Amino acid sequence: MWGYSARDVSRMLGLAAPRIRAWARDGLVSPRRGPRGDLRFSFHDLVLLRTARDLLRARVPAARVKRALRQLRAQLPADRSLAAVRVTVEGDRLVVRDGATSWHPDSGQAILDFEVKDVAAQVAPLITQAGQAEGTATDAESFYEWACDLEDGAPEQARQAYRRALALDPAHYGANLNLGRLLHEKGDLRGAERHYRCALAARPDDAGALYNIGVALEDQDRREEALAAYEACLARDPGHADSHHNAGRLCERLGRREQALRHLNAARRLLLRTP
């Protein structure tokens, strides 16, 4: 079962398990229920609990910590990576920074400063041990979800977790696609291509996997194959602007001026339509 037990959270963050469960009962975090009725906390929950822990250690009153947690839960981005989020306290105000954006979810007299990716580093050893002890993940989807948590803060452990998922389910679309991307970023272009192709085999109509294959092939200077991949992507999704743009550049390099102009003009039209 994916997620972190109260015992896991207690060990990682140094919080008493009864306090963690009490905050869950108060609705300050939103764990799932495991098959045995046990609480399973998400990575998002860990970020909130880490914030609360540091506020308590800075002697912020418990009532103010609860208020800060409620405000932060409502305002942390739930639909995107938390890697860029940083939580600090300046003066008497709790400050959350997400890239270039910052806001004040609550006030408090304390000094608190951590990056969300630090939480991933604390989670990483638990994932490394997963599957070796009772109550840890034994299915591909659990390892996949854990790997997603680890990507920004502990990419090597994320790659390991994706490989564990694929050992259990070699055709897992998300694990193949994400592992391919991580290998691509690391410079392992052939490994990336191999996993992108496995993702495509799982979902033959997926334009995104074909686009990624095209990029991996282009980065290997396999121009004709890359162009064929971009064209195949466009056959499935004619509105894929990035494929038009990359295909246009490749056609220019291959000396196919008319084909290049067609792709580049299509890319411009699509980008101009984007709100």
C-alpha atoms as a PDB file:
ATOM      1  CA  MET A   1       0.000   0.000   0.000  1.00  0.00           C
ATOM      2  CA  TRP A   2       1.495   3.329  -1.043  1.00  0.00           C
ATOM      3  CA  GLY A   3       1.860   5.990   1.626  1.00  0.00           C
ATOM      4  CA  TYR A   4       3.641   6.449   4.927  1.00  0.00           C
ATOM      5  CA  SER A   5       2.380   4.957   8.183  1.00  0.00           C
ATOM      6  CA  ALA A   6       2.161   6.977  11.397  1.00  0.00           C
ATOM      7  CA  ARG A   7       5.193   5.015  12.595  1.00  0.00           C
ATOM      8  CA  ASP A   8       7.128   5.932   9.426  1.00  0.00           C
ATOM      9  CA  VAL A   9       6.237   9.604   9.837  1.00  0.00           C
ATOM     10  CA  SER A  10       7.147   9.539  13.525  1.00  0.00           C
ATOM     11  CA  ARG A  11      10.559   8.030  12.745  1.00  0.00           C
ATOM     12  CA  MET A  12      11.312  10.431   9.855  1.00  0.00           C
ATOM     13  CA  LEU A  13      10.118  13.673  11.445  1.00  0.00           C
ATOM     14  CA  GLY A  14      10.605  12.990  15.143  1.00  0.00           C
ATOM     15  CA  LEU A  15       6.924  13.610  15.958  1.00  0.00           C
ATOM     16  CA  ALA A  16       5.023  11.492  18.461  1.00  0.00           C
ATOM     17  CA  ALA A  17       2.627   9.109  16.706  1.00  0.00           C
ATOM     18  CA  PRO A  18      -0.318  10.159  18.958  1.00  0.00           C
ATOM     19  CA  ARG A  19       0.197  13.794  17.929  1.00  0.00           C
ATOM     20  CA  ILE A  20       0.255  12.793  14.249  1.00  0.00           C
ATOM     21  CA  ARG A  21      -2.980  10.827  14.630  1.00  0.00           C
ATOM     22  CA  ALA A  22      -4.592  13.707  16.552  1.00  0.00           C
ATOM     23  CA  TRP A  23      -3.775  16.144  13.760  1.00  0.00           C
ATOM     24  CA  ALA A  24      -5.264  13.691  11.283  1.00  0.00           C
ATOM     25  CA  ARG A  25      -8.463  13.487  13.384  1.00  0.00           C
ATOM     26  CA  ASP A  26      -8.590  17.299  13.464  1.00  0.00           C
ATOM     27  CA  GLY A  27      -8.472  17.351   9.664  1.00  0.00           C
ATOM     28  CA  LEU A  28      -5.146  19.180   9.497  1.00  0.00           C
ATOM     29  CA  VAL A  29      -3.752  16.473   7.205  1.00  0.00           C
ATOM     30  CA  SER A  30      -5.703  14.021   5.066  1.00  0.00           C
ATOM     31  CA  PRO A  31      -4.247  10.492   5.181  1.00  0.00           C
ATOM     32  CA  ARG A  32      -5.879   7.575   3.400  1.00  0.00           C
ATOM     33  CA  ARG A  33      -6.940   4.364   5.105  1.00  0.00           C
ATOM     34  CA  GLY A  34      -4.930   1.233   4.387  1.00  0.00           C
ATOM     35  CA  PRO A  35      -6.479  -2.206   3.879  1.00  0.00           C
ATOM     36  CA  ARG A  36      -6.289  -2.826   7.632  1.00  0.00           C
ATOM     37  CA  GLY A  37      -7.723   0.565   8.520  1.00  0.00           C
ATOM     38  CA  ASP A  38      -4.295   2.056   9.294  1.00  0.00           C
ATOM     39  CA  LEU A  39      -3.499   5.662   8.357  1.00  0.00           C
ATOM     40  CA  ARG A  40      -1.316   6.163   5.261  1.00  0.00           C
ATOM     41  CA  PHE A  41       0.084   9.672   4.833  1.00  0.00           C
ATOM     42  CA  SER A  42       0.948  11.276   1.490  1.00  0.00           C
ATOM     43  CA  PHE A  43       4.050  13.293   0.606  1.00  0.00           C
ATOM     44  CA  HIS A  44       1.869  16.411   0.779  1.00  0.00           C
ATOM     45  CA  ASP A  45       0.949  15.443   4.361  1.00  0.00           C
ATOM     46  CA  LEU A  46       4.644  15.058   5.210  1.00  0.00           C
ATOM     47  CA  VAL A  47       5.326  18.621   4.049  1.00  0.00           C
ATOM     48  CA  LEU A  48       2.569  19.937   6.322  1.00  0.00           C
ATOM     49  CA  LEU A  49       3.732  17.841   9.280  1.00  0.00           C
ATOM     50  CA  ARG A  50       7.343  18.922   8.797  1.00  0.00           C
ATOM     51  CA  THR A  51       6.163  22.545   8.903  1.00  0.00           C
ATOM     52  CA  ALA A  52       4.182  21.923  12.086  1.00  0.00           C
ATOM     53  CA  ARG A  53       7.108  20.128  13.716  1.00  0.00           C
ATOM     54  CA  ASP A  54       9.491  23.021  13.107  1.00  0.00           C
ATOM     55  CA  LEU A  55       6.981  25.562  14.365  1.00  0.00           C
ATOM     56  CA  LEU A  56       6.508  23.577  17.576  1.00  0.00           C
ATOM     57  CA  ARG A  57      10.260  23.288  18.065  1.00  0.00           C
ATOM     58  CA  ALA A  58      10.471  27.067  17.667  1.00  0.00           C
ATOM     59  CA  ARG A  59       8.005  27.354  20.594  1.00  0.00           C
ATOM     60  CA  VAL A  60       5.110  28.616  18.501  1.00  0.00           C
ATOM     61  CA  PRO A  61       1.876  28.009  20.507  1.00  0.00           C
ATOM     62  CA  ALA A  62      -0.022  24.860  19.508  1.00  0.00           C
ATOM     63  CA  ALA A  63      -3.157  26.826  18.578  1.00  0.00           C
ATOM     64  CA  ARG A  64      -1.139  28.978  16.186  1.00  0.00           C
ATOM     65  CA  VAL A  65       0.514  25.879  14.703  1.00  0.00           C
ATOM     66  CA  LYS A  66      -2.932  24.408  13.986  1.00  0.00           C
ATOM     67  CA  ARG A  67      -4.022  27.611  12.331  1.00  0.00           C
ATOM     68  CA  ALA A  68      -0.841  27.723  10.229  1.00  0.00           C
ATOM     69  CA  LEU A  69      -1.322  24.104   9.196  1.00  0.00           C
ATOM     70  CA  ARG A  70      -4.917  24.706   8.097  1.00  0.00           C
ATOM     71  CA  GLN A  71      -3.901  27.752   6.075  1.00  0.00           C
ATOM     72  CA  LEU A  72      -0.894  26.031   4.537  1.00  0.00           C
ATOM     73  CA  ARG A  73      -2.918  22.930   3.597  1.00  0.00           C
ATOM     74  CA  ALA A  74      -5.385  25.126   1.694  1.00  0.00           C
ATOM     75  CA  GLN A  75      -2.643  27.032  -0.109  1.00  0.00           C
ATOM     76  CA  LEU A  76       0.117  24.558  -0.981  1.00  0.00           C
ATOM     77  CA  PRO A  77      -0.043  23.576  -4.664  1.00  0.00           C
ATOM     78  CA  ALA A  78      -1.730  20.169  -4.769  1.00  0.00           C
ATOM     79  CA  ASP A  79      -1.584  19.679  -8.539  1.00  0.00           C
ATOM     80  CA  ARG A  80       2.138  20.082  -9.196  1.00  0.00           C
ATOM     81  CA  SER A  81       5.586  19.212  -7.902  1.00  0.00           C
ATOM     82  CA  LEU A  82       6.372  20.671  -4.491  1.00  0.00           C
ATOM     83  CA  ALA A  83      10.117  20.724  -5.167  1.00  0.00           C
ATOM     84  CA  ALA A  84      10.339  24.512  -5.551  1.00  0.00           C
ATOM     85  CA  VAL A  85       8.346  25.286  -2.404  1.00  0.00           C
ATOM     86  CA  ARG A  86      10.224  26.842   0.512  1.00  0.00           C
ATOM     87  CA  VAL A  87       8.705  27.641   3.915  1.00  0.00           C
ATOM     88  CA  THR A  88      10.160  30.363   6.142  1.00  0.00           C
ATOM     89  CA  VAL A  89       9.126  32.651   8.970  1.00  0.00           C
ATOM     90  CA  GLU A  90      10.116  36.296   8.676  1.00  0.00           C
ATOM     91  CA  GLY A  91       9.375  38.552  11.571  1.00  0.00           C
ATOM     92  CA  ASP A  92       5.930  37.537  12.735  1.00  0.00           C
ATOM     93  CA  ARG A  93       4.681  36.016   9.504  1.00  0.00           C
ATOM     94  CA  LEU A  94       4.916  32.550   7.992  1.00  0.00           C
ATOM     95  CA  VAL A  95       6.037  32.886   4.371  1.00  0.00           C
ATOM     96  CA  VAL A  96       5.626  30.296   1.625  1.00  0.00           C
ATOM     97  CA  ARG A  97       7.623  30.731  -1.579  1.00  0.00           C
ATOM     98  CA  ASP A  98       6.809  28.819  -4.747  1.00  0.00           C
ATOM     99  CA  GLY A  99       9.279  29.882  -7.404  1.00  0.00           C
ATOM    100  CA  ALA A 100       8.851  33.619  -7.900  1.00  0.00           C
ATOM    101  CA  THR A 101       5.571  33.689  -5.957  1.00  0.00           C
ATOM    102  CA  SER A 102       5.361  34.169  -2.186  1.00  0.00           C
ATOM    103  CA  TRP A 103       2.509  34.498   0.276  1.00  0.00           C
ATOM    104  CA  HIS A 104       1.777  34.667   4.029  1.00  0.00           C
ATOM    105  CA  PRO A 105      -0.535  31.856   5.198  1.00  0.00           C
ATOM    106  CA  ASP A 106      -0.224  32.701   8.892  1.00  0.00           C
ATOM    107  CA  SER A 107       1.834  34.579  11.460  1.00  0.00           C
ATOM    108  CA  GLY A 108       4.212  33.359  14.155  1.00  0.00           C
ATOM    109  CA  GLN A 109       7.313  34.345  16.132  1.00  0.00           C
ATOM    110  CA  ALA A 110       9.863  31.816  14.929  1.00  0.00           C
ATOM    111  CA  ILE A 111      12.627  31.029  12.458  1.00  0.00           C
ATOM    112  CA  LEU A 112      11.677  28.274  10.052  1.00  0.00           C
ATOM    113  CA  ASP A 113      13.483  27.576   6.817  1.00  0.00           C
ATOM    114  CA  PHE A 114      13.403  24.386   4.732  1.00  0.00           C
ATOM    115  CA  GLU A 115      12.956  23.277   1.163  1.00  0.00           C
ATOM    116  CA  VAL A 116      10.299  20.712   0.366  1.00  0.00           C
ATOM    117  CA  LYS A 117      12.901  18.602  -1.429  1.00  0.00           C
ATOM    118  CA  ASP A 118      14.516  18.077   2.000  1.00  0.00           C
ATOM    119  CA  VAL A 119      11.478  15.985   2.917  1.00  0.00           C
ATOM    120  CA  ALA A 120      12.140  13.750  -0.088  1.00  0.00           C
ATOM    121  CA  ALA A 121      15.655  13.117   1.212  1.00  0.00           C
ATOM    122  CA  GLN A 122      14.146  11.927   4.502  1.00  0.00           C
ATOM    123  CA  VAL A 123      11.701   9.674   2.672  1.00  0.00           C
ATOM    124  CA  ALA A 124      14.386   8.107   0.444  1.00  0.00           C
ATOM    125  CA  PRO A 125      15.787   5.535   2.919  1.00  0.00           C
ATOM    126  CA  LEU A 126      12.274   4.258   3.594  1.00  0.00           C
ATOM    127  CA  ILE A 127      11.693   3.645  -0.107  1.00  0.00           C
ATOM    128  CA  THR A 128      15.046   1.897  -0.437  1.00  0.00           C
ATOM    129  CA  GLN A 129      13.900  -0.592   2.200  1.00  0.00           C
ATOM    130  CA  ALA A 130      10.389  -0.934   0.775  1.00  0.00           C
ATOM    131  CA  GLY A 131       9.279  -4.455   0.070  1.00  0.00           C
ATOM    132  CA  GLN A 132      11.696  -5.922   2.606  1.00  0.00           C
ATOM    133  CA  ALA A 133       9.502  -5.576   5.697  1.00  0.00           C
ATOM    134  CA  GLU A 134       5.883  -6.212   6.555  1.00  0.00           C
ATOM    135  CA  GLY A 135       3.569  -3.336   5.754  1.00  0.00           C
ATOM    136  CA  THR A 136       5.666  -1.810   2.991  1.00  0.00           C
ATOM    137  CA  ALA A 137       4.896  -1.637  -0.712  1.00  0.00           C
ATOM    138  CA  THR A 138       4.589  -4.881  -2.650  1.00  0.00           C
ATOM    139  CA  ASP A 139       2.859  -3.675  -5.830  1.00  0.00           C
ATOM    140  CA  ALA A 140       4.040  -1.712  -8.843  1.00  0.00           C
ATOM    141  CA  GLU A 141       1.664   1.197  -8.318  1.00  0.00           C
ATOM    142  CA  SER A 142       2.992   1.772  -4.786  1.00  0.00           C
ATOM    143  CA  PHE A 143       6.572   1.964  -6.000  1.00  0.00           C
ATOM    144  CA  TYR A 144       5.457   4.257  -8.831  1.00  0.00           C
ATOM    145  CA  GLU A 145       3.717   6.667  -6.424  1.00  0.00           C
ATOM    146  CA  TRP A 146       6.726   6.659  -4.116  1.00  0.00           C
ATOM    147  CA  ALA A 147       9.066   7.341  -7.036  1.00  0.00           C
ATOM    148  CA  CYS A 148       6.975  10.377  -8.007  1.00  0.00           C
ATOM    149  CA  ASP A 149       7.445  11.713  -4.451  1.00  0.00           C
ATOM    150  CA  LEU A 150      11.217  11.276  -4.674  1.00  0.00           C
ATOM    151  CA  GLU A 151      11.914  12.685  -8.132  1.00  0.00           C
ATOM    152  CA  ASP A 152      12.960  16.228  -7.281  1.00  0.00           C
ATOM    153  CA  GLY A 153      14.658  15.691  -3.942  1.00  0.00           C
ATOM    154  CA  ALA A 154      16.237  12.250  -4.441  1.00  0.00           C
ATOM    155  CA  PRO A 155      16.394  11.414  -8.171  1.00  0.00           C
ATOM    156  CA  GLU A 156      18.650   8.371  -7.785  1.00  0.00           C
ATOM    157  CA  GLN A 157      16.239   6.797  -5.289  1.00  0.00           C
ATOM    158  CA  ALA A 158      13.375   7.735  -7.625  1.00  0.00           C
ATOM    159  CA  ARG A 159      15.065   5.828 -10.443  1.00  0.00           C
ATOM    160  CA  GLN A 160      15.467   2.837  -8.131  1.00  0.00           C
ATOM    161  CA  ALA A 161      11.795   2.989  -7.146  1.00  0.00           C
ATOM    162  CA  TYR A 162      10.685   3.163 -10.802  1.00  0.00           C
ATOM    163  CA  ARG A 163      12.852   0.112 -11.520  1.00  0.00           C
ATOM    164  CA  ARG A 164      11.217  -1.718  -8.606  1.00  0.00           C
ATOM    165  CA  ALA A 165       7.812  -0.864 -10.105  1.00  0.00           C
ATOM    166  CA  LEU A 166       8.906  -2.160 -13.503  1.00  0.00           C
ATOM    167  CA  ALA A 167      10.296  -5.364 -12.021  1.00  0.00           C
ATOM    168  CA  LEU A 168       6.746  -6.047 -10.841  1.00  0.00           C
ATOM    169  CA  ASP A 169       4.978  -4.672 -13.931  1.00  0.00           C
ATOM    170  CA  PRO A 170       7.295  -4.215 -16.946  1.00  0.00           C
ATOM    171  CA  ALA A 171       4.469  -2.610 -18.955  1.00  0.00           C
ATOM    172  CA  HIS A 172       3.670   0.111 -16.381  1.00  0.00           C
ATOM    173  CA  TYR A 173       3.151   3.201 -18.543  1.00  0.00           C
ATOM    174  CA  GLY A 174       3.936   5.908 -15.969  1.00  0.00           C
ATOM    175  CA  ALA A 175       7.014   4.184 -14.547  1.00  0.00           C
ATOM    176  CA  ASN A 176       8.487   3.675 -18.023  1.00  0.00           C
ATOM    177  CA  LEU A 177       7.757   7.238 -19.114  1.00  0.00           C
ATOM    178  CA  ASN A 178       9.099   8.853 -15.930  1.00  0.00           C
ATOM    179  CA  LEU A 179      12.161   6.618 -15.691  1.00  0.00           C
ATOM    180  CA  GLY A 180      12.874   7.424 -19.320  1.00  0.00           C
ATOM    181  CA  ARG A 181      12.724  11.139 -18.525  1.00  0.00           C
ATOM    182  CA  LEU A 182      15.043  10.793 -15.513  1.00  0.00           C
ATOM    183  CA  LEU A 183      17.535   8.776 -17.581  1.00  0.00           C
ATOM    184  CA  HIS A 184      17.264  11.368 -20.360  1.00  0.00           C
ATOM    185  CA  GLU A 185      18.098  14.153 -17.891  1.00  0.00           C
ATOM    186  CA  LYS A 186      21.063  12.100 -16.662  1.00  0.00           C
ATOM    187  CA  GLY A 187      22.379  11.705 -20.229  1.00  0.00           C
ATOM    188  CA  ASP A 188      21.534   8.016 -20.718  1.00  0.00           C
ATOM    189  CA  LEU A 189      19.863   8.548 -24.087  1.00  0.00           C
ATOM    190  CA  ARG A 190      19.584   4.908 -25.137  1.00  0.00           C
ATOM    191  CA  GLY A 191      18.140   3.924 -21.777  1.00  0.00           C
ATOM    192  CA  ALA A 192      15.667   6.786 -22.025  1.00  0.00           C
ATOM    193  CA  GLU A 193      14.650   5.759 -25.552  1.00  0.00           C
ATOM    194  CA  ARG A 194      14.147   2.155 -24.442  1.00  0.00           C
ATOM    195  CA  HIS A 195      11.762   3.147 -21.633  1.00  0.00           C
ATOM    196  CA  TYR A 196       9.902   5.670 -23.806  1.00  0.00           C
ATOM    197  CA  ARG A 197       9.296   2.856 -26.303  1.00  0.00           C
ATOM    198  CA  CYS A 198       8.009   0.606 -23.512  1.00  0.00           C
ATOM    199  CA  ALA A 199       5.606   3.391 -22.498  1.00  0.00           C
ATOM    200  CA  LEU A 200       4.471   3.684 -26.121  1.00  0.00           C
ATOM    201  CA  ALA A 201       3.933  -0.081 -26.321  1.00  0.00           C
ATOM    202  CA  ALA A 202       1.646   0.213 -23.284  1.00  0.00           C
ATOM    203  CA  ARG A 203      -0.286   3.085 -24.912  1.00  0.00           C
ATOM    204  CA  PRO A 204       0.233   2.966 -28.697  1.00  0.00           C
ATOM    205  CA  ASP A 205      -1.853   6.090 -29.320  1.00  0.00           C
ATOM    206  CA  ASP A 206       0.080   8.251 -26.826  1.00  0.00           C
ATOM    207  CA  ALA A 207       1.481  11.282 -28.627  1.00  0.00           C
ATOM    208  CA  GLY A 208       3.586  12.348 -25.642  1.00  0.00           C
ATOM    209  CA  ALA A 209       5.623   9.145 -25.621  1.00  0.00           C
ATOM    210  CA  LEU A 210       6.307   9.539 -29.350  1.00  0.00           C
ATOM    211  CA  TYR A 211       7.437  13.121 -28.803  1.00  0.00           C
ATOM    212  CA  ASN A 212       9.839  11.986 -26.081  1.00  0.00           C
ATOM    213  CA  ILE A 213      11.178   9.273 -28.378  1.00  0.00           C
ATOM    214  CA  GLY A 214      11.764  11.953 -31.004  1.00  0.00           C
ATOM    215  CA  VAL A 215      13.726  14.119 -28.576  1.00  0.00           C
ATOM    216  CA  ALA A 216      15.845  11.154 -27.435  1.00  0.00           C
ATOM    217  CA  LEU A 217      16.593  10.227 -31.051  1.00  0.00           C
ATOM    218  CA  GLU A 218      17.403  13.811 -31.977  1.00  0.00           C
ATOM    219  CA  ASP A 219      19.782  14.086 -29.003  1.00  0.00           C
ATOM    220  CA  GLN A 220      21.540  10.987 -30.395  1.00  0.00           C
ATOM    221  CA  ASP A 221      21.792  12.808 -33.767  1.00  0.00           C
ATOM    222  CA  ARG A 222      19.551  10.200 -35.404  1.00  0.00           C
ATOM    223  CA  ARG A 223      17.779  12.881 -37.394  1.00  0.00           C
ATOM    224  CA  GLU A 224      15.683  10.860 -39.838  1.00  0.00           C
ATOM    225  CA  GLU A 225      14.378   8.603 -37.066  1.00  0.00           C
ATOM    226  CA  ALA A 226      13.646  11.614 -34.862  1.00  0.00           C
ATOM    227  CA  LEU A 227      11.715  13.303 -37.661  1.00  0.00           C
ATOM    228  CA  ALA A 228       9.698  10.120 -38.206  1.00  0.00           C
ATOM    229  CA  ALA A 229       8.850  10.053 -34.490  1.00  0.00           C
ATOM    230  CA  TYR A 230       7.694  13.693 -34.544  1.00  0.00           C
ATOM    231  CA  GLU A 231       5.588  13.007 -37.639  1.00  0.00           C
ATOM    232  CA  ALA A 232       4.048   9.965 -35.916  1.00  0.00           C
ATOM    233  CA  CYS A 233       3.284  12.140 -32.888  1.00  0.00           C
ATOM    234  CA  LEU A 234       1.551  14.674 -35.135  1.00  0.00           C
ATOM    235  CA  ALA A 235      -0.451  11.930 -36.817  1.00  0.00           C
ATOM    236  CA  ARG A 236      -1.952  11.206 -33.389  1.00  0.00           C
ATOM    237  CA  ASP A 237      -2.111  14.822 -32.199  1.00  0.00           C
ATOM    238  CA  PRO A 238      -1.996  17.414 -35.014  1.00  0.00           C
ATOM    239  CA  GLY A 239      -2.043  20.188 -32.396  1.00  0.00           C
ATOM    240  CA  HIS A 240       1.231  19.173 -30.752  1.00  0.00           C
ATOM    241  CA  ALA A 241       3.102  22.462 -31.216  1.00  0.00           C
ATOM    242  CA  ASP A 242       6.449  21.242 -29.858  1.00  0.00           C
ATOM    243  CA  SER A 243       6.533  18.403 -32.382  1.00  0.00           C
ATOM    244  CA  HIS A 244       5.831  20.851 -35.212  1.00  0.00           C
ATOM    245  CA  HIS A 245       8.614  23.115 -33.953  1.00  0.00           C
ATOM    246  CA  ASN A 246      11.177  20.336 -33.554  1.00  0.00           C
ATOM    247  CA  ALA A 247      10.226  18.758 -36.886  1.00  0.00           C
ATOM    248  CA  GLY A 248      10.615  22.169 -38.538  1.00  0.00           C
ATOM    249  CA  ARG A 249      14.112  22.622 -37.122  1.00  0.00           C
ATOM    250  CA  LEU A 250      15.115  19.131 -38.200  1.00  0.00           C
ATOM    251  CA  CYS A 251      13.810  19.699 -41.715  1.00  0.00           C
ATOM    252  CA  GLU A 252      15.879  22.891 -41.925  1.00  0.00           C
ATOM    253  CA  ARG A 253      19.002  20.935 -40.918  1.00  0.00           C
ATOM    254  CA  LEU A 254      18.141  18.250 -43.483  1.00  0.00           C
ATOM    255  CA  GLY A 255      17.717  20.867 -46.226  1.00  0.00           C
ATOM    256  CA  ARG A 256      13.950  20.354 -46.649  1.00  0.00           C
ATOM    257  CA  ARG A 257      12.922  23.992 -46.722  1.00  0.00           C
ATOM    258  CA  GLU A 258       9.265  23.653 -47.741  1.00  0.00           C
ATOM    259  CA  GLN A 259       8.591  20.951 -45.156  1.00  0.00           C
ATOM    260  CA  ALA A 260      10.387  23.055 -42.536  1.00  0.00           C
ATOM    261  CA  LEU A 261       8.243  26.101 -43.290  1.00  0.00           C
ATOM    262  CA  ARG A 262       5.065  24.033 -43.071  1.00  0.00           C
ATOM    263  CA  HIS A 263       5.952  22.719 -39.614  1.00  0.00           C
ATOM    264  CA  LEU A 264       7.258  26.031 -38.260  1.00  0.00           C
ATOM    265  CA  ASN A 265       4.203  27.955 -39.486  1.00  0.00           C
ATOM    266  CA  ALA A 266       1.939  25.360 -37.886  1.00  0.00           C
ATOM    267  CA  ALA A 267       3.837  25.710 -34.611  1.00  0.00           C
ATOM    268  CA  ARG A 268       3.446  29.505 -34.684  1.00  0.00           C
ATOM    269  CA  ARG A 269      -0.288  29.271 -35.390  1.00  0.00           C
ATOM    270  CA  LEU A 270      -0.778  26.854 -32.502  1.00  0.00           C
ATOM    271  CA  LEU A 271       1.270  28.959 -30.092  1.00  0.00           C
ATOM    272  CA  LEU A 272      -0.656  32.105 -31.029  1.00  0.00           C
ATOM    273  CA  ARG A 273      -3.894  30.310 -30.179  1.00  0.00           C
ATOM    274  CA  THR A 274      -2.638  29.351 -26.715  1.00  0.00           C
ATOM    275  CA  PRO A 275      -4.207  31.602 -24.047  1.00  0.00           C
END
